[in-house]
C-alpha atoms as a PDB file:
ATOM      1  CA  MET A   1     -96.102 190.227 -42.402  1.00  0.00           C
ATOM      2  CA  LEU A   2     -94.529 187.079 -41.009  1.00  0.00           C
ATOM      3  CA  GLU A   3     -94.263 186.576 -37.255  1.00  0.00           C
ATOM      4  CA  THR A   4     -90.811 187.285 -35.827  1.00  0.00           C
ATOM      5  CA  SER A   5     -89.758 183.625 -35.428  1.00  0.00           C
ATOM      6  CA  ALA A   6     -90.956 182.653 -38.904  1.00  0.00           C
ATOM      7  CA  ARG A   7     -89.339 185.750 -40.377  1.00  0.00           C
ATOM      8  CA  LEU A   8     -86.004 184.910 -38.739  1.00  0.00           C
ATOM      9  CA  LEU A   9     -86.102 181.435 -40.269  1.00  0.00           C
ATOM     10  CA  ARG A  10     -86.943 182.929 -43.659  1.00  0.00           C
ATOM     11  CA  LEU A  11     -84.112 185.473 -43.322  1.00  0.00           C
ATOM     12  CA  LEU A  12     -81.661 182.725 -42.378  1.00  0.00           C
ATOM     13  CA  SER A  13     -82.762 180.657 -45.364  1.00  0.00           C
ATOM     14  CA  LEU A  14     -82.193 183.607 -47.717  1.00  0.00           C
ATOM     15  CA  LEU A  15     -78.726 184.259 -46.292  1.00  0.00           C
ATOM     16  CA  GLN A  16     -77.793 180.604 -46.727  1.00  0.00           C
ATOM     17  CA  ALA A  17     -79.092 180.469 -50.304  1.00  0.00           C
ATOM     18  CA  HIS A  18     -77.270 183.541 -51.637  1.00  0.00           C
ATOM     19  CA  GLN A  19     -73.844 184.878 -50.762  1.00  0.00           C
ATOM     20  CA  HIS A  20     -74.647 188.598 -50.673  1.00  0.00           C
ATOM     21  CA  TRP A  21     -77.856 190.526 -50.039  1.00  0.00           C
ATOM     22  CA  THR A  22     -78.471 194.250 -49.885  1.00  0.00           C
ATOM     23  CA  GLY A  23     -80.665 195.546 -47.083  1.00  0.00           C
ATOM     24  CA  PRO A  24     -83.435 196.759 -49.435  1.00  0.00           C
ATOM     25  CA  ALA A  25     -83.464 193.421 -51.277  1.00  0.00           C
ATOM     26  CA  LEU A  26     -83.935 191.493 -48.031  1.00  0.00           C
ATOM     27  CA  ALA A  27     -86.594 193.940 -46.870  1.00  0.00           C
ATOM     28  CA  GLU A  28     -88.498 193.441 -50.124  1.00  0.00           C
ATOM     29  CA  ARG A  29     -88.294 189.637 -49.945  1.00  0.00           C
ATOM     30  CA  LEU A  30     -89.482 189.620 -46.326  1.00  0.00           C
ATOM     31  CA  GLY A  31     -92.083 192.371 -46.704  1.00  0.00           C
ATOM     32  CA  VAL A  32     -90.624 194.508 -43.929  1.00  0.00           C
ATOM     33  CA  THR A  33     -88.636 197.714 -43.548  1.00  0.00           C
ATOM     34  CA  ALA A  34     -84.845 197.997 -43.714  1.00  0.00           C
ATOM     35  CA  ARG A  35     -84.837 198.807 -39.992  1.00  0.00           C
ATOM     36  CA  THR A  36     -86.641 195.520 -39.236  1.00  0.00           C
ATOM     37  CA  VAL A  37     -84.023 193.684 -41.282  1.00  0.00           C
ATOM     38  CA  ARG A  38     -81.257 195.259 -39.169  1.00  0.00           C
ATOM     39  CA  ASN A  39     -83.053 194.216 -35.984  1.00  0.00           C
ATOM     40  CA  ASP A  40     -83.537 190.660 -37.267  1.00  0.00           C
ATOM     41  CA  VAL A  41     -79.863 190.432 -38.207  1.00  0.00           C
ATOM     42  CA  ASP A  42     -78.985 191.412 -34.628  1.00  0.00           C
ATOM     43  CA  ARG A  43     -81.293 188.648 -33.365  1.00  0.00           C
ATOM     44  CA  LEU A  44     -79.529 186.088 -35.562  1.00  0.00           C
ATOM     45  CA  ARG A  45     -76.173 187.233 -34.225  1.00  0.00           C
ATOM     46  CA  ASN A  46     -77.419 186.792 -30.664  1.00  0.00           C
ATOM     47  CA  LEU A  47     -78.372 183.228 -31.612  1.00  0.00           C
ATOM     48  CA  GLY A  48     -74.820 182.554 -32.777  1.00  0.00           C
ATOM     49  CA  TYR A  49     -75.130 183.107 -36.525  1.00  0.00           C
ATOM     50  CA  PRO A  50     -72.130 185.091 -37.867  1.00  0.00           C
ATOM     51  CA  VAL A  51     -73.873 187.613 -40.121  1.00  0.00           C
ATOM     52  CA  ASP A  52     -71.424 190.115 -41.626  1.00  0.00           C
ATOM     53  CA  ALA A  53     -72.581 193.589 -42.645  1.00  0.00           C
ATOM     54  CA  THR A  54     -70.847 195.966 -45.063  1.00  0.00           C
ATOM     55  CA  PRO A  55     -71.865 199.663 -45.087  1.00  0.00           C
ATOM     56  CA  GLY A  56     -72.143 201.843 -48.161  1.00  0.00           C
ATOM     57  CA  VAL A  57     -73.957 201.834 -51.481  1.00  0.00           C
ATOM     58  CA  ALA A  58     -72.534 198.444 -52.483  1.00  0.00           C
ATOM     59  CA  GLY A  59     -72.833 197.073 -48.957  1.00  0.00           C
ATOM     60  CA  GLY A  60     -75.155 194.476 -47.573  1.00  0.00           C
ATOM     61  CA  TYR A  61     -75.318 191.281 -45.538  1.00  0.00           C
ATOM     62  CA  ARG A  62     -73.741 187.874 -45.872  1.00  0.00           C
ATOM     63  CA  LEU A  63     -73.557 184.799 -43.681  1.00  0.00           C
ATOM     64  CA  GLY A  64     -69.961 184.515 -42.534  1.00  0.00           C
ATOM     65  CA  ALA A  65     -67.954 181.560 -41.332  1.00  0.00           C
ATOM     66  CA  GLY A  66     -68.198 180.836 -37.626  1.00  0.00           C
ATOM     67  CA  ALA A  67     -66.445 178.612 -35.137  1.00  0.00           C
ATOM     68  CA  ALA A  68     -69.230 176.049 -35.441  1.00  0.00           C
ATOM     69  CA  LEU A  69     -71.547 175.074 -38.267  1.00  0.00           C
ATOM     70  CA  PRO A  70     -74.975 176.659 -37.679  1.00  0.00           C
ATOM     71  CA  PRO A  71     -78.135 174.679 -38.420  1.00  0.00           C
ATOM     72  CA  LEU A  72     -78.956 174.592 -42.125  1.00  0.00           C
ATOM     73  CA  LEU A  73     -82.461 175.183 -43.406  1.00  0.00           C
ATOM     74  CA  LEU A  74     -83.439 172.922 -46.311  1.00  0.00           C
ATOM     75  CA  ASP A  75     -86.776 172.671 -48.059  1.00  0.00           C
ATOM     76  CA  ASP A  76     -88.148 169.240 -49.025  1.00  0.00           C
ATOM     77  CA  GLU A  77     -86.573 169.134 -52.478  1.00  0.00           C
ATOM     78  CA  GLU A  78     -83.186 170.292 -51.193  1.00  0.00           C
ATOM     79  CA  ALA A  79     -83.198 167.689 -48.411  1.00  0.00           C
ATOM     80  CA  VAL A  80     -83.970 164.867 -50.854  1.00  0.00           C
ATOM     81  CA  ALA A  81     -81.292 166.098 -53.284  1.00  0.00           C
ATOM     82  CA  VAL A  82     -78.658 166.254 -50.523  1.00  0.00           C
ATOM     83  CA  ALA A  83     -79.537 162.788 -49.221  1.00  0.00           C
ATOM     84  CA  VAL A  84     -79.392 161.167 -52.664  1.00  0.00           C
ATOM     85  CA  GLY A  85     -76.179 163.037 -53.442  1.00  0.00           C
ATOM     86  CA  LEU A  86     -74.542 161.807 -50.241  1.00  0.00           C
ATOM     87  CA  ARG A  87     -75.542 158.228 -50.951  1.00  0.00           C
ATOM     88  CA  THR A  88     -74.100 158.502 -54.445  1.00  0.00           C
ATOM     89  CA  ALA A  89     -70.895 160.110 -53.153  1.00  0.00           C
ATOM     90  CA  ALA A  90     -70.444 157.171 -50.794  1.00  0.00           C
ATOM     91  CA  GLY A  91     -69.726 155.160 -53.949  1.00  0.00           C
ATOM     92  CA  GLY A  92     -66.713 157.381 -54.502  1.00  0.00           C
ATOM     93  CA  SER A  93     -65.740 159.532 -57.468  1.00  0.00           C
ATOM     94  CA  VAL A  94     -64.155 162.074 -55.157  1.00  0.00           C
ATOM     95  CA  ALA A  95     -61.047 160.899 -53.328  1.00  0.00           C
ATOM     96  CA  GLY A  96     -61.448 160.197 -49.617  1.00  0.00           C
ATOM     97  CA  ILE A  97     -65.054 161.371 -49.345  1.00  0.00           C
ATOM     98  CA  GLU A  98     -66.829 158.028 -49.000  1.00  0.00           C
ATOM     99  CA  GLU A  99     -66.640 157.685 -45.205  1.00  0.00           C
ATOM    100  CA  THR A 100     -67.451 161.370 -44.663  1.00  0.00           C
ATOM    101  CA  SER A 101     -70.500 161.051 -46.919  1.00  0.00           C
ATOM    102  CA  VAL A 102     -71.783 158.073 -44.934  1.00  0.00           C
ATOM    103  CA  ARG A 103     -71.441 159.963 -41.639  1.00  0.00           C
ATOM    104  CA  ALA A 104     -73.193 163.044 -43.014  1.00  0.00           C
ATOM    105  CA  LEU A 105     -75.954 160.900 -44.531  1.00  0.00           C
ATOM    106  CA  ALA A 106     -76.573 159.169 -41.179  1.00  0.00           C
ATOM    107  CA  LYS A 107     -77.044 162.544 -39.481  1.00  0.00           C
ATOM    108  CA  LEU A 108     -79.358 163.824 -42.208  1.00  0.00           C
ATOM    109  CA  GLU A 109     -81.571 160.728 -42.364  1.00  0.00           C
ATOM    110  CA  GLN A 110     -81.953 160.804 -38.575  1.00  0.00           C
ATOM    111  CA  VAL A 111     -83.820 164.111 -38.773  1.00  0.00           C
ATOM    112  CA  LEU A 112     -85.643 163.635 -42.089  1.00  0.00           C
ATOM    113  CA  PRO A 113     -89.439 163.540 -41.791  1.00  0.00           C
ATOM    114  CA  SER A 114     -90.893 160.146 -42.639  1.00  0.00           C
ATOM    115  CA  ARG A 115     -92.396 161.419 -45.918  1.00  0.00           C
ATOM    116  CA  LEU A 116     -88.946 162.479 -47.133  1.00  0.00           C
ATOM    117  CA  ARG A 117     -87.223 159.371 -45.814  1.00  0.00           C
ATOM    118  CA  HIS A 118     -89.587 157.248 -47.913  1.00  0.00           C
ATOM    119  CA  ARG A 119     -88.829 159.338 -51.020  1.00  0.00           C
ATOM    120  CA  VAL A 120     -85.087 158.964 -50.535  1.00  0.00           C
ATOM    121  CA  SER A 121     -85.388 155.218 -49.947  1.00  0.00           C
ATOM    122  CA  ALA A 122     -87.564 154.775 -53.017  1.00  0.00           C
ATOM    123  CA  LEU A 123     -85.144 156.696 -55.213  1.00  0.00           C
ATOM    124  CA  GLN A 124     -82.168 154.752 -53.940  1.00  0.00           C
ATOM    125  CA  SER A 125     -83.910 151.374 -54.246  1.00  0.00           C
ATOM    126  CA  PHE A 126     -84.160 151.746 -58.005  1.00  0.00           C
ATOM    127  CA  LEU A 127     -80.735 153.299 -58.618  1.00  0.00           C
ATOM    128  CA  VAL A 128     -77.975 150.869 -59.534  1.00  0.00           C
ATOM    129  CA  PRO A 129     -74.543 152.331 -58.729  1.00  0.00           C
ATOM    130  CA  ILE A 130     -71.858 151.466 -61.266  1.00  0.00           C
ATOM    131  CA  PRO A 131     -68.369 152.204 -59.953  1.00  0.00           C
ATOM    132  CA  GLY A 132     -66.582 154.655 -62.195  1.00  0.00           C
ATOM    133  CA  GLN A 133     -63.162 153.949 -63.652  1.00  0.00           C
ATOM    134  CA  GLY A 134     -62.216 157.588 -64.043  1.00  0.00           C
ATOM    135  CA  PRO A 135     -59.608 159.393 -61.951  1.00  0.00           C
ATOM    136  CA  VAL A 136     -60.635 160.654 -58.517  1.00  0.00           C
ATOM    137  CA  VAL A 137     -60.171 164.277 -57.493  1.00  0.00           C
ATOM    138  CA  ASP A 138     -59.330 165.968 -54.228  1.00  0.00           C
ATOM    139  CA  PRO A 139     -62.516 167.252 -52.505  1.00  0.00           C
ATOM    140  CA  SER A 140     -60.709 170.454 -51.493  1.00  0.00           C
ATOM    141  CA  VAL A 141     -60.053 171.211 -55.176  1.00  0.00           C
ATOM    142  CA  LEU A 142     -63.737 170.780 -56.005  1.00  0.00           C
ATOM    143  CA  THR A 143     -64.848 173.031 -53.149  1.00  0.00           C
ATOM    144  CA  SER A 144     -62.295 175.671 -54.172  1.00  0.00           C
ATOM    145  CA  LEU A 145     -63.556 175.606 -57.759  1.00  0.00           C
ATOM    146  CA  VAL A 146     -67.180 175.821 -56.664  1.00  0.00           C
ATOM    147  CA  ALA A 147     -66.315 178.854 -54.524  1.00  0.00           C
ATOM    148  CA  VAL A 148     -64.641 180.802 -57.349  1.00  0.00           C
ATOM    149  CA  CYS A 149     -67.496 179.931 -59.728  1.00  0.00           C
ATOM    150  CA  ARG A 150     -70.011 181.177 -57.181  1.00  0.00           C
ATOM    151  CA  ASP A 151     -68.091 184.333 -56.265  1.00  0.00           C
ATOM    152  CA  HIS A 152     -67.068 185.188 -59.863  1.00  0.00           C
ATOM    153  CA  GLU A 153     -63.358 185.333 -59.007  1.00  0.00           C
ATOM    154  CA  ARG A 154     -60.564 184.868 -61.522  1.00  0.00           C
ATOM    155  CA  LEU A 155     -58.473 181.751 -61.084  1.00  0.00           C
ATOM    156  CA  ARG A 156     -54.889 180.832 -61.957  1.00  0.00           C
ATOM    157  CA  PHE A 157     -53.881 177.193 -61.958  1.00  0.00           C
ATOM    158  CA  ASP A 158     -51.178 174.827 -63.125  1.00  0.00           C
ATOM    159  CA  TYR A 159     -52.477 172.524 -65.842  1.00  0.00           C
ATOM    160  CA  ALA A 160     -51.169 169.370 -67.505  1.00  0.00           C
ATOM    161  CA  THR A 161     -52.534 168.414 -70.938  1.00  0.00           C
ATOM    162  CA  HIS A 162     -53.147 164.826 -72.095  1.00  0.00           C
ATOM    163  CA  THR A 163     -49.627 164.852 -73.570  1.00  0.00           C
ATOM    164  CA  GLY A 164     -48.102 165.889 -70.241  1.00  0.00           C
ATOM    165  CA  ALA A 165     -47.281 169.460 -71.296  1.00  0.00           C
ATOM    166  CA  ALA A 166     -47.475 171.845 -68.339  1.00  0.00           C
ATOM    167  CA  SER A 167     -48.801 175.397 -68.436  1.00  0.00           C
ATOM    168  CA  VAL A 168     -50.241 178.104 -66.205  1.00  0.00           C
ATOM    169  CA  ARG A 169     -53.762 179.231 -67.127  1.00  0.00           C
ATOM    170  CA  THR A 170     -55.709 182.324 -66.086  1.00  0.00           C
ATOM    171  CA  VAL A 171     -59.459 181.923 -66.433  1.00  0.00           C
ATOM    172  CA  GLU A 172     -62.883 183.156 -65.440  1.00  0.00           C
ATOM    173  CA  PRO A 173     -64.482 180.021 -63.941  1.00  0.00           C
ATOM    174  CA  TYR A 174     -68.193 179.399 -64.520  1.00  0.00           C
ATOM    175  CA  ARG A 175     -69.361 175.816 -64.044  1.00  0.00           C
ATOM    176  CA  LEU A 176     -68.283 172.334 -62.938  1.00  0.00           C
ATOM    177  CA  ALA A 177     -69.519 169.332 -64.927  1.00  0.00           C
ATOM    178  CA  HIS A 178     -69.294 165.592 -64.307  1.00  0.00           C
ATOM    179  CA  LEU A 179     -69.172 163.470 -67.452  1.00  0.00           C
ATOM    180  CA  ARG A 180     -68.185 159.832 -67.995  1.00  0.00           C
ATOM    181  CA  GLY A 181     -66.501 159.485 -64.621  1.00  0.00           C
ATOM    182  CA  ARG A 182     -64.511 162.733 -64.830  1.00  0.00           C
ATOM    183  CA  TRP A 183     -64.892 166.268 -63.474  1.00  0.00           C
ATOM    184  CA  TYR A 184     -64.496 169.244 -65.817  1.00  0.00           C
ATOM    185  CA  LEU A 185     -64.231 172.986 -65.264  1.00  0.00           C
ATOM    186  CA  VAL A 186     -65.914 175.213 -67.864  1.00  0.00           C
ATOM    187  CA  ALA A 187     -64.124 178.561 -67.950  1.00  0.00           C
ATOM    188  CA  TYR A 188     -63.280 181.492 -70.183  1.00  0.00           C
ATOM    189  CA  ASP A 189     -59.539 181.388 -70.916  1.00  0.00           C
ATOM    190  CA  LEU A 190     -58.295 184.978 -70.759  1.00  0.00           C
ATOM    191  CA  ASP A 191     -54.998 184.228 -72.534  1.00  0.00           C
ATOM    192  CA  ARG A 192     -56.770 182.550 -75.472  1.00  0.00           C
ATOM    193  CA  SER A 193     -59.903 184.751 -75.446  1.00  0.00           C
ATOM    194  CA  ASP A 194     -62.196 181.759 -75.774  1.00  0.00           C
ATOM    195  CA  TRP A 195     -64.152 179.183 -73.806  1.00  0.00           C
ATOM    196  CA  ARG A 196     -62.284 176.095 -72.652  1.00  0.00           C
ATOM    197  CA  THR A 197     -62.983 172.845 -70.790  1.00  0.00           C
ATOM    198  CA  PHE A 198     -60.361 171.643 -68.278  1.00  0.00           C
ATOM    199  CA  ARG A 199     -59.999 168.255 -66.600  1.00  0.00           C
ATOM    200  CA  VAL A 200     -60.146 168.915 -62.843  1.00  0.00           C
ATOM    201  CA  ASP A 201     -57.820 166.017 -62.012  1.00  0.00           C
ATOM    202  CA  ARG A 202     -55.125 167.704 -64.139  1.00  0.00           C
ATOM    203  CA  LEU A 203     -55.257 171.159 -62.543  1.00  0.00           C
ATOM    204  CA  THR A 204     -53.814 172.588 -59.335  1.00  0.00           C
ATOM    205  CA  PRO A 205     -55.372 175.903 -58.232  1.00  0.00           C
ATOM    206  CA  ARG A 206     -53.111 178.743 -57.192  1.00  0.00           C
ATOM    207  CA  ILE A 207     -54.226 180.508 -54.019  1.00  0.00           C
ATOM    208  CA  PRO A 208     -55.140 183.300 -53.406  1.00  0.00           C
ATOM    209  CA  THR A 209     -57.569 183.752 -56.249  1.00  0.00           C
ATOM    210  CA  GLY A 210     -57.769 186.799 -58.473  1.00  0.00           C
ATOM    211  CA  PRO A 211     -60.150 189.771 -58.560  1.00  0.00           C
ATOM    212  CA  ARG A 212     -63.883 189.494 -59.193  1.00  0.00           C
ATOM    213  CA  PHE A 213     -65.163 189.643 -62.763  1.00  0.00           C
ATOM    214  CA  VAL A 214     -68.430 190.500 -64.492  1.00  0.00           C
ATOM    215  CA  PRO A 215     -69.958 187.227 -65.763  1.00  0.00           C
ATOM    216  CA  ARG A 216     -70.096 186.690 -69.536  1.00  0.00           C
ATOM    217  CA  GLU A 217     -72.834 185.010 -71.509  1.00  0.00           C
ATOM    218  CA  LEU A 218     -72.355 181.249 -71.396  1.00  0.00           C
ATOM    219  CA  PRO A 219     -71.858 179.299 -74.662  1.00  0.00           C
ATOM    220  CA  PRO A 220     -75.151 179.533 -76.597  1.00  0.00           C
ATOM    221  CA  GLU A 221     -75.449 175.761 -76.990  1.00  0.00           C
ATOM    222  CA  GLY A 222     -75.579 175.302 -73.205  1.00  0.00           C
ATOM    223  CA  VAL A 223     -72.915 174.093 -70.793  1.00  0.00           C
ATOM    224  CA  ALA A 224     -73.894 170.410 -71.006  1.00  0.00           C
ATOM    225  CA  SER A 225     -73.691 170.275 -74.819  1.00  0.00           C
ATOM    226  CA  TYR A 226     -70.497 172.334 -74.817  1.00  0.00           C
ATOM    227  CA  VAL A 227     -68.747 169.960 -72.412  1.00  0.00           C
ATOM    228  CA  ASP A 228     -70.053 166.868 -74.229  1.00  0.00           C
ATOM    229  CA  ARG A 229     -68.801 168.129 -77.592  1.00  0.00           C
ATOM    230  CA  GLY A 230     -65.482 169.397 -76.239  1.00  0.00           C
ATOM    231  CA  VAL A 231     -64.675 166.194 -74.376  1.00  0.00           C
ATOM    232  CA  SER A 232     -65.610 164.009 -77.347  1.00  0.00           C
ATOM    233  CA  GLN A 233     -63.468 166.009 -79.766  1.00  0.00           C
ATOM    234  CA  ALA A 234     -60.519 166.109 -77.398  1.00  0.00           C
ATOM    235  CA  MET A 235     -60.338 162.301 -77.490  1.00  0.00           C
ATOM    236  CA  TRP A 236     -60.395 161.994 -81.294  1.00  0.00           C
ATOM    237  CA  GLU A 237     -57.278 160.510 -82.867  1.00  0.00           C
ATOM    238  CA  PHE A 238     -58.653 160.643 -86.421  1.00  0.00           C
ATOM    239  CA  ARG A 239     -60.434 163.701 -87.866  1.00  0.00           C
ATOM    240  CA  ALA A 240     -62.363 164.275 -91.067  1.00  0.00           C
ATOM    241  CA  ARG A 241     -64.474 166.907 -92.793  1.00  0.00           C
ATOM    242  CA  ILE A 242     -67.656 165.473 -94.308  1.00  0.00           C
ATOM    243  CA  ARG A 243     -70.033 167.271 -96.640  1.00  0.00           C
ATOM    244  CA  VAL A 244     -73.570 166.258 -95.717  1.00  0.00           C
ATOM    245  CA  PHE A 245     -76.149 166.787 -98.468  1.00  0.00           C
ATOM    246  CA  ALA A 246     -78.919 167.993 -96.215  1.00  0.00           C
ATOM    247  CA  PRO A 247     -79.950 171.376 -94.786  1.00  0.00           C
ATOM    248  CA  LEU A 248     -78.330 172.395 -91.536  1.00  0.00           C
ATOM    249  CA  SER A 249     -81.721 172.179 -89.810  1.00  0.00           C
ATOM    250  CA  VAL A 250     -81.920 168.474 -90.745  1.00  0.00           C
ATOM    251  CA  ALA A 251     -78.318 167.625 -89.860  1.00  0.00           C
ATOM    252  CA  ALA A 252     -78.706 169.457 -86.540  1.00  0.00           C
ATOM    253  CA  ARG A 253     -80.543 166.439 -85.151  1.00  0.00           C
ATOM    254  CA  LEU A 254     -77.127 164.846 -84.647  1.00  0.00           C
ATOM    255  CA  PRO A 255     -75.856 164.876 -81.041  1.00  0.00           C
ATOM    256  CA  ALA A 256     -73.278 167.502 -80.086  1.00  0.00           C
ATOM    257  CA  SER A 257     -70.688 164.761 -79.625  1.00  0.00           C
ATOM    258  CA  ALA A 258     -70.935 163.890 -83.353  1.00  0.00           C
ATOM    259  CA  GLY A 259     -68.954 166.971 -84.373  1.00  0.00           C
ATOM    260  CA  VAL A 260     -69.313 170.574 -85.479  1.00  0.00           C
ATOM    261  CA  LEU A 261     -71.788 171.511 -88.204  1.00  0.00           C
ATOM    262  CA  THR A 262     -71.172 174.464 -90.546  1.00  0.00           C
ATOM    263  CA  GLU A 263     -73.695 175.542 -93.176  1.00  0.00           C
ATOM    264  CA  ILE A 264     -72.487 175.612 -96.820  1.00  0.00           C
ATOM    265  CA  ASP A 265     -75.766 176.487 -98.549  1.00  0.00           C
ATOM    266  CA  GLU A 266     -79.464 175.753 -98.219  1.00  0.00           C
ATOM    267  CA  SER A 267     -79.032 172.098 -99.137  1.00  0.00           C
ATOM    268  CA  SER A 268     -75.701 171.048 -97.581  1.00  0.00           C
ATOM    269  CA  CYS A 269     -73.369 171.565 -94.651  1.00  0.00           C
ATOM    270  CA  TYR A 270     -69.984 170.456 -93.355  1.00  0.00           C
ATOM    271  CA  LEU A 271     -69.610 168.035 -90.467  1.00  0.00           C
ATOM    272  CA  ASP A 272     -66.183 168.202 -88.816  1.00  0.00           C
ATOM    273  CA  ALA A 273     -66.127 164.858 -87.070  1.00  0.00           C
ATOM    274  CA  GLY A 274     -63.656 162.388 -85.671  1.00  0.00           C
ATOM    275  CA  SER A 275     -63.135 158.980 -84.151  1.00  0.00           C
ATOM    276  CA  ASP A 276     -60.488 156.619 -82.850  1.00  0.00           C
ATOM    277  CA  ASP A 277     -59.985 155.161 -86.338  1.00  0.00           C
ATOM    278  CA  PRO A 278     -61.325 155.727 -89.896  1.00  0.00           C
ATOM    279  CA  GLY A 279     -63.369 152.537 -89.924  1.00  0.00           C
ATOM    280  CA  MET A 280     -65.321 153.508 -86.824  1.00  0.00           C
ATOM    281  CA  LEU A 281     -66.082 156.930 -88.312  1.00  0.00           C
ATOM    282  CA  LEU A 282     -67.280 155.398 -91.572  1.00  0.00           C
ATOM    283  CA  ARG A 283     -69.625 153.008 -89.778  1.00  0.00           C
ATOM    284  CA  TYR A 284     -71.036 155.959 -87.884  1.00  0.00           C
ATOM    285  CA  LEU A 285     -71.576 157.934 -91.093  1.00  0.00           C
ATOM    286  CA  SER A 286     -73.393 154.963 -92.627  1.00  0.00           C
ATOM    287  CA  MET A 287     -76.019 155.210 -89.898  1.00  0.00           C
ATOM    288  CA  LEU A 288     -76.881 158.855 -90.635  1.00  0.00           C
ATOM    289  CA  ASP A 289     -79.272 157.922 -93.446  1.00  0.00           C
ATOM    290  CA  LEU A 290     -78.103 161.019 -95.326  1.00  0.00           C
ATOM    291  CA  ASP A 291     -76.068 161.396 -98.503  1.00  0.00           C
ATOM    292  CA  PHE A 292     -72.547 162.665 -97.942  1.00  0.00           C
ATOM    293  CA  SER A 293     -69.109 162.984 -99.495  1.00  0.00           C
ATOM    294  CA  VAL A 294     -65.647 163.192 -97.979  1.00  0.00           C
ATOM    295  CA  ALA A 295     -64.202 166.692 -98.236  1.00  0.00           C
ATOM    296  CA  GLU A 296     -61.022 166.098 -96.238  1.00  0.00           C
ATOM    297  CA  ALA A 297     -59.843 162.658 -95.064  1.00  0.00           C
ATOM    298  CA  PRO A 298     -58.004 160.521 -97.620  1.00  0.00           C
ATOM    299  CA  GLU A 299     -57.684 157.744 -95.029  1.00  0.00           C
ATOM    300  CA  LEU A 300     -61.369 157.010 -95.506  1.00  0.00           C
ATOM    301  CA  VAL A 301     -60.873 155.881 -99.132  1.00  0.00           C
ATOM    302  CA  ASN A 302     -59.637 152.409 -98.228  1.00  0.00           C
ATOM    303  CA  GLU A 303     -62.355 152.055 -95.617  1.00  0.00           C
ATOM    304  CA  PHE A 304     -64.987 152.933 -98.216  1.00  0.00           C
ATOM    305  CA  ARG A 305     -63.603 150.249-100.557  1.00  0.00           C
ATOM    306  CA  LYS A 306     -63.569 147.637 -97.817  1.00  0.00           C
ATOM    307  CA  LEU A 307     -67.140 148.423 -96.813  1.00  0.00           C
ATOM    308  CA  ALA A 308     -68.348 148.498-100.454  1.00  0.00           C
ATOM    309  CA  ASP A 309     -66.736 145.107-101.123  1.00  0.00           C
ATOM    310  CA  ARG A 310     -68.359 143.664 -97.999  1.00  0.00           C
ATOM    311  CA  TYR A 311     -71.815 144.862 -99.041  1.00  0.00           C
ATOM    312  CA  THR A 312     -71.250 143.548-102.585  1.00  0.00           C
ATOM    313  CA  ARG A 313     -70.336 140.125-101.251  1.00  0.00           C
ATOM    314  CA  ALA A 314     -73.442 140.223 -99.046  1.00  0.00           C
ATOM    315  CA  LEU A 315     -75.621 140.845-102.129  1.00  0.00           C
ATOM    316  CA  ASP A 316     -73.938 138.008-104.056  1.00  0.00           C
END
């Protein structure tokens, strides 16, 4: 069993890492009885930590919000991650957060052990920041979205599409993703009964949030691939269906951003792809090193002729 002081630090770390704990779960993690957990919670309260307790079968403990920020407990990896994140945020992809990030970083580096300070400095020395050209977002919007993702609360928000059309969406929020200078919310759209990706700079959350929900299984391809594919397809101005004469297992080596693959038979599959213009798509297809034919996209005919003539002239 841990000594009382060490156990209190461990209990505080658990409360900071997870929003809600039952008494038996904390007792099991700490290797003590439920009564000891109650006594340790009282000790934390006497030290100024606002620990809320809810009675009943579904009750438990959570670290509440207090008048002042209590000391945070970070392990080595968490401290390095926070420091690097703050240095990156000082470059600014979130509106108005640069100065705040610098102040927070100064406080953190002041108390970092020398071994961690060297790790952070080494990481930062070999990172070259490239200012993003994407739109900035309000930090309060990001923190609100993180909270509803963490707490599994439904969210309603006003949303503007790339064409400017406005709508109100009701979703189950799951993850935030940062891709190519933009923030995206991955959520299950309840009105459309399907997964969707939303640009954070185009949404305005409606407060208060909705009721809690039971989390669904995330898209099987993974959140990163789902966002990459969804964002790439959303920007396509020209679309085509290509029949690739190769098994799906072979064509699956293509990146998710290339398009959507659908099996036809054991030796071929469809690739629903797109690009900004037909010529760019054709040049991409030429690099696949696979036989293919155009199933749907008459605009590609002229591009094929142009490319065939160019190669013929090169041979001559």
